[in-house]
Amino acid sequence: MILWAGENGFACIDADPRAEEAKQAIDFGIAVGMVALTQYANMLSIDIATREEVVEQNQRFIYQASDVGSREKLFVVTLLRNPLL
């Protein structure tokens, strides 16, 4: 997709939640508009251990994305597993 975007005049893309895709875009001269976090479904879990694990995973991903140059925007969606909460 990165190659196609560059060949078709895209100046900016939103990257999948993979730091390597953001790096490919940046290396190809395409700006990254935002990168979606890899884990979002359990960020509001009532289970503390689950919530802490997801936060740790997202934190690692944020550092990876930052290391490759995608520092500006991270897209976050949070969903409640229990709609009664």
PDB file of N, CA and C in Angstrom:
ATOM      1  N   MET A   1       0.814  -1.180   0.000  1.00  0.00           N
ATOM      2  CA  MET A   1       0.000   0.000   0.000  1.00  0.00           C
ATOM      3  C   MET A   1       0.867   1.256   0.000  1.00  0.00           C
ATOM      4  N   ILE A   2       1.979   1.221   0.718  1.00  0.00           N
ATOM      5  CA  ILE A   2       2.847   2.402   0.803  1.00  0.00           C
ATOM      6  C   ILE A   2       3.364   2.776  -0.586  1.00  0.00           C
ATOM      7  N   LEU A   3       3.854   1.802  -1.313  1.00  0.00           N
ATOM      8  CA  LEU A   3       4.361   2.059  -2.656  1.00  0.00           C
ATOM      9  C   LEU A   3       3.268   2.630  -3.542  1.00  0.00           C
ATOM     10  N   TRP A   4       2.087   2.035  -3.517  1.00  0.00           N
ATOM     11  CA  TRP A   4       0.966   2.525  -4.317  1.00  0.00           C
ATOM     12  C   TRP A   4       0.613   3.963  -3.939  1.00  0.00           C
ATOM     13  N   ALA A   5       0.570   4.260  -2.642  1.00  0.00           N
ATOM     14  CA  ALA A   5       0.226   5.619  -2.190  1.00  0.00           C
ATOM     15  C   ALA A   5       1.245   6.628  -2.704  1.00  0.00           C
ATOM     16  N   GLY A   6       2.521   6.282  -2.596  1.00  0.00           N
ATOM     17  CA  GLY A   6       3.554   7.190  -3.081  1.00  0.00           C
ATOM     18  C   GLY A   6       3.495   7.393  -4.582  1.00  0.00           C
ATOM     19  N   GLU A   7       3.251   6.327  -5.322  1.00  0.00           N
ATOM     20  CA  GLU A   7       3.190   6.425  -6.783  1.00  0.00           C
ATOM     21  C   GLU A   7       1.949   7.162  -7.265  1.00  0.00           C
ATOM     22  N   ASN A   8       0.935   7.264  -6.418  1.00  0.00           N
ATOM     23  CA  ASN A   8      -0.308   7.915  -6.811  1.00  0.00           C
ATOM     24  C   ASN A   8      -0.512   9.269  -6.140  1.00  0.00           C
ATOM     25  N   GLY A   9       0.562   9.859  -5.665  1.00  0.00           N
ATOM     26  CA  GLY A   9       0.530  11.235  -5.204  1.00  0.00           C
ATOM     27  C   GLY A   9       0.021  11.484  -3.796  1.00  0.00           C
ATOM     28  N   PHE A  10      -0.102  10.442  -3.002  1.00  0.00           N
ATOM     29  CA  PHE A  10      -0.546  10.652  -1.625  1.00  0.00           C
ATOM     30  C   PHE A  10       0.592  11.291  -0.828  1.00  0.00           C
ATOM     31  N   ALA A  11       0.299  12.364  -0.141  1.00  0.00           N
ATOM     32  CA  ALA A  11       1.298  13.034   0.679  1.00  0.00           C
ATOM     33  C   ALA A  11       1.221  12.586   2.130  1.00  0.00           C
ATOM     34  N   CYS A  12       0.085  11.984   2.507  1.00  0.00           N
ATOM     35  CA  CYS A  12      -0.129  11.596   3.894  1.00  0.00           C
ATOM     36  C   CYS A  12      -1.072  10.396   3.934  1.00  0.00           C
ATOM     37  N   ILE A  13      -0.809   9.476   4.854  1.00  0.00           N
ATOM     38  CA  ILE A  13      -1.702   8.337   5.047  1.00  0.00           C
ATOM     39  C   ILE A  13      -1.915   8.113   6.542  1.00  0.00           C
ATOM     40  N   ASP A  14      -2.945   7.381   6.869  1.00  0.00           N
ATOM     41  CA  ASP A  14      -3.126   6.867   8.223  1.00  0.00           C
ATOM     42  C   ASP A  14      -2.630   5.432   8.195  1.00  0.00           C
ATOM     43  N   ALA A  15      -1.767   5.085   9.126  1.00  0.00           N
ATOM     44  CA  ALA A  15      -1.123   3.773   9.112  1.00  0.00           C
ATOM     45  C   ALA A  15      -1.913   2.758   9.932  1.00  0.00           C
ATOM     46  N   ASP A  16      -1.801   1.513   9.511  1.00  0.00           N
ATOM     47  CA  ASP A  16      -2.327   0.418  10.316  1.00  0.00           C
ATOM     48  C   ASP A  16      -1.558   0.401  11.636  1.00  0.00           C
ATOM     49  N   PRO A  17      -2.079  -0.330  12.612  1.00  0.00           N
ATOM     50  CA  PRO A  17      -1.382  -0.341  13.900  1.00  0.00           C
ATOM     51  C   PRO A  17      -0.111  -1.196  13.880  1.00  0.00           C
ATOM     52  N   ARG A  18       0.795  -0.827  13.009  1.00  0.00           N
ATOM     53  CA  ARG A  18       2.097  -1.497  12.938  1.00  0.00           C
ATOM     54  C   ARG A  18       3.148  -0.411  12.743  1.00  0.00           C
ATOM     55  N   ALA A  19       4.076  -0.344  13.647  1.00  0.00           N
ATOM     56  CA  ALA A  19       5.100   0.688  13.563  1.00  0.00           C
ATOM     57  C   ALA A  19       5.901   0.579  12.271  1.00  0.00           C
ATOM     58  N   GLU A  20       6.111  -0.643  11.780  1.00  0.00           N
ATOM     59  CA  GLU A  20       6.918  -0.792  10.564  1.00  0.00           C
ATOM     60  C   GLU A  20       6.231  -0.173   9.350  1.00  0.00           C
ATOM     61  N   GLU A  21       4.896  -0.185   9.306  1.00  0.00           N
ATOM     62  CA  GLU A  21       4.204   0.461   8.187  1.00  0.00           C
ATOM     63  C   GLU A  21       4.401   1.973   8.241  1.00  0.00           C
ATOM     64  N   ALA A  22       4.339   2.543   9.431  1.00  0.00           N
ATOM     65  CA  ALA A  22       4.587   3.980   9.573  1.00  0.00           C
ATOM     66  C   ALA A  22       6.005   4.315   9.126  1.00  0.00           C
ATOM     67  N   LYS A  23       6.977   3.485   9.495  1.00  0.00           N
ATOM     68  CA  LYS A  23       8.365   3.732   9.100  1.00  0.00           C
ATOM     69  C   LYS A  23       8.522   3.648   7.587  1.00  0.00           C
ATOM     70  N   GLN A  24       7.880   2.677   6.947  1.00  0.00           N
ATOM     71  CA  GLN A  24       7.955   2.560   5.489  1.00  0.00           C
ATOM     72  C   GLN A  24       7.416   3.823   4.825  1.00  0.00           C
ATOM     73  N   ALA A  25       6.304   4.315   5.327  1.00  0.00           N
ATOM     74  CA  ALA A  25       5.713   5.528   4.751  1.00  0.00           C
ATOM     75  C   ALA A  25       6.664   6.711   4.906  1.00  0.00           C
ATOM     76  N   ILE A  26       7.207   6.879   6.098  1.00  0.00           N
ATOM     77  CA  ILE A  26       8.119   7.993   6.353  1.00  0.00           C
ATOM     78  C   ILE A  26       9.361   7.874   5.473  1.00  0.00           C
ATOM     79  N   ASP A  27       9.911   6.660   5.360  1.00  0.00           N
ATOM     80  CA  ASP A  27      11.082   6.445   4.511  1.00  0.00           C
ATOM     81  C   ASP A  27      10.783   6.733   3.045  1.00  0.00           C
ATOM     82  N   PHE A  28       9.530   6.548   2.632  1.00  0.00           N
ATOM     83  CA  PHE A  28       9.128   6.777   1.251  1.00  0.00           C
ATOM     84  C   PHE A  28       8.777   8.249   1.013  1.00  0.00           C
ATOM     85  N   GLY A  29       8.797   9.060   2.080  1.00  0.00           N
ATOM     86  CA  GLY A  29       8.492  10.487   1.959  1.00  0.00           C
ATOM     87  C   GLY A  29       7.022  10.828   2.138  1.00  0.00           C
ATOM     88  N   ILE A  30       6.262   9.892   2.683  1.00  0.00           N
ATOM     89  CA  ILE A  30       4.833  10.123   2.920  1.00  0.00           C
ATOM     90  C   ILE A  30       4.647  10.404   4.405  1.00  0.00           C
ATOM     91  N   ALA A  31       3.959  11.495   4.716  1.00  0.00           N
ATOM     92  CA  ALA A  31       3.680  11.815   6.116  1.00  0.00           C
ATOM     93  C   ALA A  31       2.657  10.828   6.677  1.00  0.00           C
ATOM     94  N   VAL A  32       2.747  10.584   7.956  1.00  0.00           N
ATOM     95  CA  VAL A  32       1.787   9.715   8.635  1.00  0.00           C
ATOM     96  C   VAL A  32       0.839  10.602   9.425  1.00  0.00           C
ATOM     97  N   GLY A  33      -0.448  10.547   9.058  1.00  0.00           N
ATOM     98  CA  GLY A  33      -1.437  11.376   9.732  1.00  0.00           C
ATOM     99  C   GLY A  33      -1.698  10.905  11.144  1.00  0.00           C
ATOM    100  N   MET A  34      -1.896   9.616  11.290  1.00  0.00           N
ATOM    101  CA  MET A  34      -2.085   9.024  12.616  1.00  0.00           C
ATOM    102  C   MET A  34      -1.841   7.538  12.537  1.00  0.00           C
ATOM    103  N   VAL A  35      -1.602   6.963  13.698  1.00  0.00           N
ATOM    104  CA  VAL A  35      -1.409   5.523  13.832  1.00  0.00           C
ATOM    105  C   VAL A  35      -2.384   5.047  14.890  1.00  0.00           C
ATOM    106  N   ALA A  36      -3.121   3.998  14.595  1.00  0.00           N
ATOM    107  CA  ALA A  36      -4.073   3.451  15.564  1.00  0.00           C
ATOM    108  C   ALA A  36      -3.354   2.573  16.577  1.00  0.00           C
ATOM    109  N   LEU A  37      -3.772   2.672  17.828  1.00  0.00           N
ATOM    110  CA  LEU A  37      -3.209   1.789  18.843  1.00  0.00           C
ATOM    111  C   LEU A  37      -3.563   0.339  18.528  1.00  0.00           C
ATOM    112  N   THR A  38      -2.715  -0.572  18.964  1.00  0.00           N
ATOM    113  CA  THR A  38      -2.925  -1.984  18.660  1.00  0.00           C
ATOM    114  C   THR A  38      -3.999  -2.621  19.525  1.00  0.00           C
ATOM    115  N   GLN A  39      -4.139  -2.167  20.748  1.00  0.00           N
ATOM    116  CA  GLN A  39      -5.101  -2.754  21.691  1.00  0.00           C
ATOM    117  C   GLN A  39      -6.020  -1.654  22.212  1.00  0.00           C
ATOM    118  N   TYR A  40      -7.288  -1.838  22.093  1.00  0.00           N
ATOM    119  CA  TYR A  40      -8.204  -0.830  22.630  1.00  0.00           C
ATOM    120  C   TYR A  40      -9.416  -1.438  23.323  1.00  0.00           C
ATOM    121  N   ALA A  41      -9.754  -2.662  23.001  1.00  0.00           N
ATOM    122  CA  ALA A  41     -11.004  -3.242  23.493  1.00  0.00           C
ATOM    123  C   ALA A  41     -11.037  -3.416  25.005  1.00  0.00           C
ATOM    124  N   ASN A  42      -9.894  -3.635  25.618  1.00  0.00           N
ATOM    125  CA  ASN A  42      -9.881  -3.888  27.062  1.00  0.00           C
ATOM    126  C   ASN A  42      -9.262  -2.765  27.876  1.00  0.00           C
ATOM    127  N   MET A  43      -9.104  -1.591  27.279  1.00  0.00           N
ATOM    128  CA  MET A  43      -8.528  -0.485  28.036  1.00  0.00           C
ATOM    129  C   MET A  43      -9.421  -0.042  29.192  1.00  0.00           C
ATOM    130  N   LEU A  44     -10.702  -0.327  29.096  1.00  0.00           N
ATOM    131  CA  LEU A  44     -11.642   0.026  30.159  1.00  0.00           C
ATOM    132  C   LEU A  44     -12.174  -1.205  30.873  1.00  0.00           C
ATOM    133  N   SER A  45     -11.432  -2.285  30.825  1.00  0.00           N
ATOM    134  CA  SER A  45     -11.857  -3.521  31.467  1.00  0.00           C
ATOM    135  C   SER A  45     -12.004  -3.324  32.972  1.00  0.00           C
ATOM    136  N   ILE A  46     -12.987  -3.997  33.553  1.00  0.00           N
ATOM    137  CA  ILE A  46     -13.127  -3.935  35.007  1.00  0.00           C
ATOM    138  C   ILE A  46     -12.083  -4.801  35.699  1.00  0.00           C
ATOM    139  N   ASP A  47     -11.458  -5.705  34.946  1.00  0.00           N
ATOM    140  CA  ASP A  47     -10.400  -6.548  35.488  1.00  0.00           C
ATOM    141  C   ASP A  47      -9.080  -5.771  35.452  1.00  0.00           C
ATOM    142  N   ILE A  48      -8.533  -5.508  36.617  1.00  0.00           N
ATOM    143  CA  ILE A  48      -7.332  -4.680  36.719  1.00  0.00           C
ATOM    144  C   ILE A  48      -6.150  -5.290  35.963  1.00  0.00           C
ATOM    145  N   ALA A  49      -5.939  -6.586  36.082  1.00  0.00           N
ATOM    146  CA  ALA A  49      -4.805  -7.233  35.404  1.00  0.00           C
ATOM    147  C   ALA A  49      -4.926  -7.113  33.887  1.00  0.00           C
ATOM    148  N   THR A  50      -6.125  -7.323  33.365  1.00  0.00           N
ATOM    149  CA  THR A  50      -6.358  -7.184  31.921  1.00  0.00           C
ATOM    150  C   THR A  50      -6.087  -5.755  31.476  1.00  0.00           C
ATOM    151  N   ARG A  51      -6.621  -4.818  32.212  1.00  0.00           N
ATOM    152  CA  ARG A  51      -6.445  -3.396  31.878  1.00  0.00           C
ATOM    153  C   ARG A  51      -4.964  -3.020  31.912  1.00  0.00           C
ATOM    154  N   GLU A  52      -4.240  -3.458  32.929  1.00  0.00           N
ATOM    155  CA  GLU A  52      -2.814  -3.130  33.028  1.00  0.00           C
ATOM    156  C   GLU A  52      -2.017  -3.723  31.877  1.00  0.00           C
ATOM    157  N   GLU A  53      -2.337  -4.956  31.475  1.00  0.00           N
ATOM    158  CA  GLU A  53      -1.635  -5.593  30.352  1.00  0.00           C
ATOM    159  C   GLU A  53      -1.862  -4.823  29.053  1.00  0.00           C
ATOM    160  N   VAL A  54      -3.097  -4.423  28.798  1.00  0.00           N
ATOM    161  CA  VAL A  54      -3.406  -3.679  27.578  1.00  0.00           C
ATOM    162  C   VAL A  54      -2.704  -2.325  27.580  1.00  0.00           C
ATOM    163  N   VAL A  55      -2.696  -1.663  28.698  1.00  0.00           N
ATOM    164  CA  VAL A  55      -2.001  -0.376  28.796  1.00  0.00           C
ATOM    165  C   VAL A  55      -0.508  -0.564  28.537  1.00  0.00           C
ATOM    166  N   GLU A  56       0.091  -1.607  29.090  1.00  0.00           N
ATOM    167  CA  GLU A  56       1.509  -1.884  28.849  1.00  0.00           C
ATOM    168  C   GLU A  56       1.774  -2.168  27.373  1.00  0.00           C
ATOM    169  N   GLN A  57       0.908  -2.941  26.728  1.00  0.00           N
ATOM    170  CA  GLN A  57       1.067  -3.230  25.293  1.00  0.00           C
ATOM    171  C   GLN A  57       0.995  -1.937  24.478  1.00  0.00           C
ATOM    172  N   ASN A  58       0.031  -1.087  24.798  1.00  0.00           N
ATOM    173  CA  ASN A  58      -0.098   0.176  24.076  1.00  0.00           C
ATOM    174  C   ASN A  58       1.096   1.083  24.331  1.00  0.00           C
ATOM    175  N   GLN A  59       1.594   1.075  25.536  1.00  0.00           N
ATOM    176  CA  GLN A  59       2.758   1.891  25.854  1.00  0.00           C
ATOM    177  C   GLN A  59       3.960   1.445  25.015  1.00  0.00           C
ATOM    178  N   ARG A  60       4.181   0.130  24.923  1.00  0.00           N
ATOM    179  CA  ARG A  60       5.279  -0.376  24.086  1.00  0.00           C
ATOM    180  C   ARG A  60       5.096   0.059  22.631  1.00  0.00           C
ATOM    181  N   PHE A  61       3.860  -0.041  22.134  1.00  0.00           N
ATOM    182  CA  PHE A  61       3.593   0.352  20.757  1.00  0.00           C
ATOM    183  C   PHE A  61       3.850   1.842  20.548  1.00  0.00           C
ATOM    184  N   ILE A  62       3.450   2.674  21.500  1.00  0.00           N
ATOM    185  CA  ILE A  62       3.669   4.119  21.378  1.00  0.00           C
ATOM    186  C   ILE A  62       5.162   4.413  21.269  1.00  0.00           C
ATOM    187  N   TYR A  63       5.968   3.738  22.092  1.00  0.00           N
ATOM    188  CA  TYR A  63       7.417   3.940  22.009  1.00  0.00           C
ATOM    189  C   TYR A  63       7.960   3.468  20.663  1.00  0.00           C
ATOM    190  N   GLN A  64       7.467   2.341  20.150  1.00  0.00           N
ATOM    191  CA  GLN A  64       7.908   1.856  18.834  1.00  0.00           C
ATOM    192  C   GLN A  64       7.545   2.857  17.745  1.00  0.00           C
ATOM    193  N   ALA A  65       6.327   3.342  17.773  1.00  0.00           N
ATOM    194  CA  ALA A  65       5.882   4.307  16.759  1.00  0.00           C
ATOM    195  C   ALA A  65       6.710   5.584  16.842  1.00  0.00           C
ATOM    196  N   SER A  66       7.017   6.008  18.043  1.00  0.00           N
ATOM    197  CA  SER A  66       7.834   7.203  18.227  1.00  0.00           C
ATOM    198  C   SER A  66       9.245   6.992  17.703  1.00  0.00           C
ATOM    199  N   ASP A  67       9.787   5.808  17.924  1.00  0.00           N
ATOM    200  CA  ASP A  67      11.146   5.507  17.469  1.00  0.00           C
ATOM    201  C   ASP A  67      11.284   5.576  15.958  1.00  0.00           C
ATOM    202  N   VAL A  68      10.219   5.273  15.224  1.00  0.00           N
ATOM    203  CA  VAL A  68      10.310   5.296  13.760  1.00  0.00           C
ATOM    204  C   VAL A  68       9.879   6.635  13.175  1.00  0.00           C
ATOM    205  N   GLY A  69       9.470   7.571  14.020  1.00  0.00           N
ATOM    206  CA  GLY A  69       9.157   8.904  13.528  1.00  0.00           C
ATOM    207  C   GLY A  69       7.689   9.262  13.528  1.00  0.00           C
ATOM    208  N   SER A  70       6.840   8.397  13.978  1.00  0.00           N
ATOM    209  CA  SER A  70       5.412   8.704  14.038  1.00  0.00           C
ATOM    210  C   SER A  70       5.096   9.170  15.456  1.00  0.00           C
ATOM    211  N   ARG A  71       5.305  10.455  15.693  1.00  0.00           N
ATOM    212  CA  ARG A  71       5.213  10.983  17.051  1.00  0.00           C
ATOM    213  C   ARG A  71       3.995  11.860  17.283  1.00  0.00           C
ATOM    214  N   GLU A  72       3.312  12.215  16.257  1.00  0.00           N
ATOM    215  CA  GLU A  72       2.343  13.283  16.385  1.00  0.00           C
ATOM    216  C   GLU A  72       0.961  12.859  16.827  1.00  0.00           C
ATOM    217  N   LYS A  73       0.397  11.840  16.194  1.00  0.00           N
ATOM    218  CA  LYS A  73      -0.993  11.512  16.444  1.00  0.00           C
ATOM    219  C   LYS A  73      -1.187  10.007  16.606  1.00  0.00           C
ATOM    220  N   LEU A  74      -1.817   9.641  17.679  1.00  0.00           N
ATOM    221  CA  LEU A  74      -2.215   8.258  17.898  1.00  0.00           C
ATOM    222  C   LEU A  74      -3.722   8.240  18.032  1.00  0.00           C
ATOM    223  N   PHE A  75      -4.363   7.335  17.320  1.00  0.00           N
ATOM    224  CA  PHE A  75      -5.816   7.224  17.327  1.00  0.00           C
ATOM    225  C   PHE A  75      -6.219   6.216  18.389  1.00  0.00           C
ATOM    226  N   VAL A  76      -7.115   6.631  19.270  1.00  0.00           N
ATOM    227  CA  VAL A  76      -7.535   5.767  20.369  1.00  0.00           C
ATOM    228  C   VAL A  76      -9.054   5.648  20.386  1.00  0.00           C
ATOM    229  N   VAL A  77      -9.523   4.429  20.423  1.00  0.00           N
ATOM    230  CA  VAL A  77     -10.939   4.146  20.620  1.00  0.00           C
ATOM    231  C   VAL A  77     -11.019   3.237  21.836  1.00  0.00           C
ATOM    232  N   THR A  78     -11.896   3.536  22.741  1.00  0.00           N
ATOM    233  CA  THR A  78     -12.087   2.657  23.882  1.00  0.00           C
ATOM    234  C   THR A  78     -13.515   2.130  23.868  1.00  0.00           C
ATOM    235  N   LEU A  79     -13.649   0.859  24.132  1.00  0.00           N
ATOM    236  CA  LEU A  79     -14.957   0.211  24.128  1.00  0.00           C
ATOM    237  C   LEU A  79     -15.175  -0.490  25.461  1.00  0.00           C
ATOM    238  N   LEU A  80     -16.350  -0.369  25.976  1.00  0.00           N
ATOM    239  CA  LEU A  80     -16.698  -1.097  27.184  1.00  0.00           C
ATOM    240  C   LEU A  80     -17.121  -2.510  26.820  1.00  0.00           C
ATOM    241  N   ARG A  81     -16.545  -3.494  27.470  1.00  0.00           N
ATOM    242  CA  ARG A  81     -16.937  -4.872  27.248  1.00  0.00           C
ATOM    243  C   ARG A  81     -18.322  -5.143  27.855  1.00  0.00           C
ATOM    244  N   ASN A  82     -18.611  -4.475  28.957  1.00  0.00           N
ATOM    245  CA  ASN A  82     -19.886  -4.640  29.624  1.00  0.00           C
ATOM    246  C   ASN A  82     -20.704  -3.372  29.404  1.00  0.00           C
ATOM    247  N   PRO A  83     -21.701  -3.405  28.534  1.00  0.00           N
ATOM    248  CA  PRO A  83     -22.471  -2.193  28.216  1.00  0.00           C
ATOM    249  C   PRO A  83     -23.276  -1.656  29.390  1.00  0.00           C
ATOM    250  N   LEU A  84     -23.347  -2.403  30.487  1.00  0.00           N
ATOM    251  CA  LEU A  84     -24.080  -1.930  31.662  1.00  0.00           C
ATOM    252  C   LEU A  84     -23.249  -0.999  32.530  1.00  0.00           C
ATOM    253  N   LEU A  85     -21.957  -0.896  32.248  1.00  0.00           N
ATOM    254  CA  LEU A  85     -21.095  -0.018  33.051  1.00  0.00           C
ATOM    255  C   LEU A  85     -21.260   1.424  32.664  1.00  0.00           C
TER     256      LEU A  85
END
